[in-house]
Amino acid sequence: MPSDASLRDVGAVTIVDLSGVLRLGESSNVLRRVINDLIAKQRHRIVLNFRNVSEIDSAGVGELIAAYTALKNNHGRLKLLNPPKKICEVLELTKLSKVVEVYTKEESALDSFE
């Protein structure tokens, strides 16, 4: 199942609702394009909603790191929302959960930007 992303703005924060898989190839390119487009539009507060993402591989983790770095270099912030258990395990294993804030409630993720 290919990855897809839909965007919604909540004030100064953009929530990216991801679905499908985040692995090597076109699916990881979707995330890169979305992040680059948002940075170009001066949208620097981003929440990636992983509720409907079923799988992530090392390329997907690499894209998350690249997104985090690109936003940080542009004075932005990246948060993760609702990662399924399998993805939480990958985030823990790679220690990415120590770098990127992870939330289970959208309201909490939004409030964390203030």
N, C-alpha and C. Protein backbone atom coordinates (compact mmCIF):
# COMPACT_ATOMS: atom_id res chain seq x y z
N MET A 1 0.84 -1.17 0.00
CA MET A 1 0.00 0.00 0.00
C MET A 1 0.89 1.24 0.00
N PRO A 2 0.75 2.11 -0.98
CA PRO A 2 1.61 3.29 -1.05
C PRO A 2 1.24 4.31 0.02
N SER A 3 2.20 5.13 0.37
CA SER A 3 1.97 6.19 1.35
C SER A 3 1.22 7.35 0.72
N ASP A 4 0.45 7.99 1.56
CA ASP A 4 -0.29 9.17 1.15
C ASP A 4 -0.23 10.16 2.31
N ALA A 5 -0.39 11.43 2.00
CA ALA A 5 -0.35 12.46 3.04
C ALA A 5 -1.41 13.50 2.75
N SER A 6 -2.18 13.83 3.76
CA SER A 6 -3.13 14.94 3.65
C SER A 6 -2.77 15.94 4.74
N LEU A 7 -2.98 17.21 4.42
CA LEU A 7 -2.57 18.29 5.32
C LEU A 7 -3.77 19.01 5.89
N ARG A 8 -3.64 19.42 7.14
CA ARG A 8 -4.63 20.31 7.74
C ARG A 8 -3.91 21.27 8.66
N ASP A 9 -4.31 22.52 8.57
CA ASP A 9 -3.72 23.57 9.40
C ASP A 9 -4.60 23.83 10.60
N VAL A 10 -3.98 23.86 11.76
CA VAL A 10 -4.66 24.22 13.00
C VAL A 10 -3.86 25.39 13.56
N GLY A 11 -4.32 26.60 13.23
CA GLY A 11 -3.57 27.79 13.61
C GLY A 11 -2.23 27.78 12.89
N ALA A 12 -1.15 27.93 13.66
CA ALA A 12 0.19 27.98 13.09
C ALA A 12 0.81 26.60 12.90
N VAL A 13 0.07 25.55 13.26
CA VAL A 13 0.58 24.19 13.18
C VAL A 13 -0.06 23.47 11.98
N THR A 14 0.77 22.72 11.25
CA THR A 14 0.27 21.88 10.17
C THR A 14 0.34 20.44 10.63
N ILE A 15 -0.80 19.75 10.53
CA ILE A 15 -0.85 18.32 10.83
C ILE A 15 -0.82 17.57 9.50
N VAL A 16 0.12 16.66 9.38
CA VAL A 16 0.25 15.83 8.19
C VAL A 16 -0.26 14.45 8.56
N ASP A 17 -1.43 14.10 8.01
CA ASP A 17 -2.00 12.78 8.24
C ASP A 17 -1.42 11.82 7.22
N LEU A 18 -0.55 10.93 7.68
CA LEU A 18 0.09 9.96 6.80
C LEU A 18 -0.70 8.65 6.80
N SER A 19 -0.62 7.92 5.70
CA SER A 19 -1.24 6.60 5.66
C SER A 19 -0.42 5.69 4.76
N GLY A 20 -0.51 4.40 5.02
CA GLY A 20 0.22 3.41 4.23
C GLY A 20 1.51 3.01 4.92
N VAL A 21 2.57 2.93 4.14
CA VAL A 21 3.87 2.54 4.65
C VAL A 21 4.87 3.66 4.42
N LEU A 22 5.92 3.64 5.19
CA LEU A 22 6.99 4.62 5.03
C LEU A 22 8.29 3.83 4.86
N ARG A 23 8.57 3.47 3.59
CA ARG A 23 9.76 2.69 3.29
C ARG A 23 10.46 3.19 2.05
N LEU A 24 11.57 2.56 1.75
CA LEU A 24 12.39 2.94 0.62
C LEU A 24 11.55 3.07 -0.65
N GLY A 25 11.79 4.13 -1.39
CA GLY A 25 11.08 4.33 -2.65
C GLY A 25 10.11 5.49 -2.58
N GLU A 26 9.07 5.39 -3.36
CA GLU A 26 8.11 6.49 -3.50
C GLU A 26 7.47 6.87 -2.17
N SER A 27 7.21 5.90 -1.31
CA SER A 27 6.53 6.23 -0.06
C SER A 27 7.36 7.15 0.83
N SER A 28 8.67 6.95 0.87
CA SER A 28 9.49 7.86 1.69
C SER A 28 9.66 9.21 0.99
N ASN A 29 9.58 9.22 -0.34
CA ASN A 29 9.66 10.48 -1.08
C ASN A 29 8.46 11.38 -0.79
N VAL A 30 7.31 10.78 -0.49
CA VAL A 30 6.11 11.56 -0.17
C VAL A 30 6.40 12.45 1.04
N LEU A 31 6.98 11.88 2.08
CA LEU A 31 7.28 12.66 3.28
C LEU A 31 8.27 13.77 2.97
N ARG A 32 9.31 13.48 2.21
CA ARG A 32 10.30 14.50 1.86
C ARG A 32 9.66 15.66 1.11
N ARG A 33 8.82 15.35 0.13
CA ARG A 33 8.16 16.41 -0.64
C ARG A 33 7.25 17.27 0.24
N VAL A 34 6.49 16.63 1.10
CA VAL A 34 5.58 17.37 1.99
C VAL A 34 6.36 18.31 2.89
N ILE A 35 7.41 17.81 3.52
CA ILE A 35 8.20 18.64 4.43
C ILE A 35 8.84 19.80 3.67
N ASN A 36 9.43 19.53 2.52
CA ASN A 36 10.06 20.60 1.73
C ASN A 36 9.04 21.65 1.29
N ASP A 37 7.85 21.21 0.88
CA ASP A 37 6.79 22.15 0.49
C ASP A 37 6.36 23.02 1.67
N LEU A 38 6.21 22.41 2.84
CA LEU A 38 5.79 23.17 4.02
C LEU A 38 6.85 24.19 4.43
N ILE A 39 8.10 23.80 4.38
CA ILE A 39 9.18 24.74 4.71
C ILE A 39 9.17 25.90 3.72
N ALA A 40 8.99 25.60 2.44
CA ALA A 40 8.94 26.66 1.41
C ALA A 40 7.79 27.62 1.66
N LYS A 41 6.70 27.13 2.26
CA LYS A 41 5.54 27.97 2.57
C LYS A 41 5.62 28.60 3.96
N GLN A 42 6.80 28.50 4.57
CA GLN A 42 7.02 29.06 5.91
C GLN A 42 6.16 28.41 6.98
N ARG A 43 5.81 27.15 6.80
CA ARG A 43 5.09 26.36 7.81
C ARG A 43 6.14 25.54 8.55
N HIS A 44 6.48 25.95 9.77
CA HIS A 44 7.59 25.35 10.48
C HIS A 44 7.19 24.57 11.73
N ARG A 45 5.92 24.51 12.01
CA ARG A 45 5.43 23.73 13.15
C ARG A 45 4.62 22.59 12.58
N ILE A 46 5.18 21.39 12.67
CA ILE A 46 4.57 20.25 11.96
C ILE A 46 4.38 19.07 12.91
N VAL A 47 3.20 18.48 12.81
CA VAL A 47 2.88 17.24 13.51
C VAL A 47 2.65 16.18 12.45
N LEU A 48 3.39 15.08 12.54
CA LEU A 48 3.17 13.95 11.64
C LEU A 48 2.28 12.94 12.36
N ASN A 49 1.08 12.74 11.82
CA ASN A 49 0.13 11.80 12.41
C ASN A 49 0.34 10.43 11.78
N PHE A 50 0.80 9.48 12.58
CA PHE A 50 1.13 8.13 12.11
C PHE A 50 0.01 7.13 12.34
N ARG A 51 -1.18 7.58 12.73
CA ARG A 51 -2.26 6.66 13.07
C ARG A 51 -2.49 5.60 12.00
N ASN A 52 -2.42 5.97 10.72
CA ASN A 52 -2.72 5.04 9.63
C ASN A 52 -1.48 4.57 8.88
N VAL A 53 -0.33 4.64 9.53
CA VAL A 53 0.91 4.12 8.94
C VAL A 53 1.15 2.74 9.52
N SER A 54 1.29 1.75 8.64
CA SER A 54 1.41 0.38 9.11
C SER A 54 2.84 -0.12 9.24
N GLU A 55 3.78 0.56 8.57
CA GLU A 55 5.15 0.03 8.55
C GLU A 55 6.14 1.14 8.27
N ILE A 56 7.34 1.00 8.84
CA ILE A 56 8.44 1.93 8.56
C ILE A 56 9.71 1.11 8.47
N ASP A 57 10.59 1.45 7.53
CA ASP A 57 11.88 0.79 7.44
C ASP A 57 12.99 1.80 7.66
N SER A 58 14.23 1.40 7.44
CA SER A 58 15.36 2.30 7.70
C SER A 58 15.31 3.54 6.82
N ALA A 59 14.81 3.42 5.60
CA ALA A 59 14.69 4.60 4.73
C ALA A 59 13.65 5.55 5.30
N GLY A 60 12.57 5.02 5.83
CA GLY A 60 11.55 5.85 6.47
C GLY A 60 12.09 6.56 7.69
N VAL A 61 12.89 5.85 8.48
CA VAL A 61 13.53 6.47 9.65
C VAL A 61 14.47 7.57 9.18
N GLY A 62 15.20 7.31 8.10
CA GLY A 62 16.09 8.32 7.54
C GLY A 62 15.34 9.56 7.11
N GLU A 63 14.16 9.38 6.52
CA GLU A 63 13.34 10.52 6.11
C GLU A 63 12.84 11.30 7.32
N LEU A 64 12.50 10.60 8.40
CA LEU A 64 12.09 11.30 9.63
C LEU A 64 13.24 12.14 10.18
N ILE A 65 14.44 11.58 10.17
CA ILE A 65 15.61 12.32 10.65
C ILE A 65 15.87 13.53 9.75
N ALA A 66 15.75 13.33 8.44
CA ALA A 66 15.95 14.44 7.49
C ALA A 66 14.91 15.53 7.71
N ALA A 67 13.65 15.13 7.95
CA ALA A 67 12.58 16.10 8.18
C ALA A 67 12.85 16.87 9.47
N TYR A 68 13.22 16.17 10.51
CA TYR A 68 13.54 16.82 11.79
C TYR A 68 14.67 17.83 11.62
N THR A 69 15.72 17.41 10.92
CA THR A 69 16.90 18.27 10.70
C THR A 69 16.55 19.48 9.85
N ALA A 70 15.80 19.27 8.77
CA ALA A 70 15.42 20.38 7.89
C ALA A 70 14.60 21.41 8.65
N LEU A 71 13.66 20.95 9.47
CA LEU A 71 12.85 21.88 10.24
C LEU A 71 13.69 22.60 11.30
N LYS A 72 14.54 21.87 11.98
CA LYS A 72 15.39 22.48 13.00
C LYS A 72 16.28 23.55 12.38
N ASN A 73 16.83 23.27 11.21
CA ASN A 73 17.69 24.23 10.52
C ASN A 73 16.92 25.47 10.05
N ASN A 74 15.59 25.36 9.97
CA ASN A 74 14.74 26.49 9.58
C ASN A 74 13.94 27.01 10.76
N HIS A 75 14.47 26.78 11.97
CA HIS A 75 13.84 27.26 13.21
C HIS A 75 12.44 26.67 13.40
N GLY A 76 12.24 25.45 12.93
CA GLY A 76 10.95 24.78 13.08
C GLY A 76 11.02 23.64 14.05
N ARG A 77 9.86 23.00 14.24
CA ARG A 77 9.76 21.87 15.16
C ARG A 77 8.89 20.79 14.57
N LEU A 78 9.27 19.55 14.83
CA LEU A 78 8.55 18.38 14.34
C LEU A 78 8.13 17.53 15.52
N LYS A 79 6.87 17.12 15.52
CA LYS A 79 6.33 16.23 16.56
C LYS A 79 5.67 15.05 15.86
N LEU A 80 5.61 13.92 16.55
CA LEU A 80 4.94 12.73 16.02
C LEU A 80 3.69 12.45 16.84
N LEU A 81 2.67 11.96 16.15
CA LEU A 81 1.38 11.70 16.79
C LEU A 81 0.91 10.29 16.44
N ASN A 82 0.44 9.57 17.44
CA ASN A 82 -0.22 8.28 17.27
C ASN A 82 0.56 7.21 16.52
N PRO A 83 1.84 7.04 16.77
CA PRO A 83 2.51 5.94 16.07
C PRO A 83 2.03 4.60 16.62
N PRO A 84 1.71 3.64 15.74
CA PRO A 84 1.32 2.31 16.21
C PRO A 84 2.47 1.64 16.97
N LYS A 85 2.16 0.58 17.68
CA LYS A 85 3.14 -0.10 18.53
C LYS A 85 4.39 -0.49 17.76
N LYS A 86 4.23 -1.06 16.56
CA LYS A 86 5.40 -1.47 15.76
C LYS A 86 6.31 -0.29 15.45
N ILE A 87 5.73 0.84 15.16
CA ILE A 87 6.52 2.02 14.83
C ILE A 87 7.15 2.60 16.09
N CYS A 88 6.44 2.56 17.21
CA CYS A 88 7.02 3.00 18.49
C CYS A 88 8.27 2.17 18.81
N GLU A 89 8.21 0.87 18.54
CA GLU A 89 9.35 0.01 18.79
C GLU A 89 10.55 0.42 17.94
N VAL A 90 10.30 0.77 16.68
CA VAL A 90 11.39 1.22 15.80
C VAL A 90 11.95 2.55 16.31
N LEU A 91 11.07 3.45 16.73
CA LEU A 91 11.52 4.74 17.27
C LEU A 91 12.38 4.54 18.52
N GLU A 92 12.01 3.59 19.37
CA GLU A 92 12.79 3.29 20.57
C GLU A 92 14.13 2.66 20.19
N LEU A 93 14.10 1.70 19.30
CA LEU A 93 15.30 0.98 18.89
C LEU A 93 16.34 1.93 18.28
N THR A 94 15.86 2.87 17.49
CA THR A 94 16.76 3.82 16.82
C THR A 94 17.08 5.04 17.68
N LYS A 95 16.48 5.09 18.86
CA LYS A 95 16.64 6.23 19.79
C LYS A 95 16.05 7.53 19.25
N LEU A 96 15.28 7.45 18.17
CA LEU A 96 14.65 8.65 17.61
C LEU A 96 13.61 9.21 18.57
N SER A 97 13.02 8.34 19.39
CA SER A 97 12.03 8.80 20.37
C SER A 97 12.64 9.71 21.43
N LYS A 98 13.96 9.72 21.55
CA LYS A 98 14.63 10.62 22.50
C LYS A 98 14.87 12.00 21.89
N VAL A 99 14.74 12.08 20.57
CA VAL A 99 15.00 13.34 19.85
C VAL A 99 13.70 14.03 19.46
N VAL A 100 12.75 13.26 18.95
CA VAL A 100 11.48 13.81 18.47
C VAL A 100 10.40 13.49 19.49
N GLU A 101 9.64 14.50 19.87
CA GLU A 101 8.55 14.29 20.82
C GLU A 101 7.43 13.47 20.19
N VAL A 102 6.90 12.52 20.96
CA VAL A 102 5.84 11.63 20.49
C VAL A 102 4.62 11.82 21.38
N TYR A 103 3.46 11.98 20.75
CA TYR A 103 2.21 12.21 21.47
C TYR A 103 1.14 11.21 21.06
N THR A 104 0.21 10.94 21.97
CA THR A 104 -0.91 10.05 21.66
C THR A 104 -2.21 10.83 21.50
N LYS A 105 -2.20 12.11 21.87
CA LYS A 105 -3.40 12.95 21.73
C LYS A 105 -3.05 14.18 20.91
N GLU A 106 -3.89 14.45 19.91
CA GLU A 106 -3.65 15.59 19.03
C GLU A 106 -3.61 16.90 19.80
N GLU A 107 -4.50 17.06 20.73
CA GLU A 107 -4.56 18.30 21.52
C GLU A 107 -3.25 18.54 22.27
N SER A 108 -2.69 17.48 22.83
CA SER A 108 -1.42 17.60 23.55
C SER A 108 -0.29 17.99 22.61
N ALA A 109 -0.28 17.39 21.42
CA ALA A 109 0.76 17.73 20.43
C ALA A 109 0.64 19.20 20.03
N LEU A 110 -0.58 19.66 19.80
CA LEU A 110 -0.78 21.06 19.42
C LEU A 110 -0.38 22.00 20.54
N ASP A 111 -0.78 21.67 21.77
CA ASP A 111 -0.46 22.51 22.93
C ASP A 111 1.05 22.60 23.17
N SER A 112 1.79 21.57 22.77
CA SER A 112 3.23 21.54 23.04
C SER A 112 4.01 22.60 22.26
N PHE A 113 3.40 23.21 21.26
CA PHE A 113 4.08 24.24 20.49
C PHE A 113 4.05 25.59 21.19
N GLU A 114 3.21 25.74 22.21
CA GLU A 114 3.09 27.04 22.88
C GLU A 114 4.08 27.23 23.98
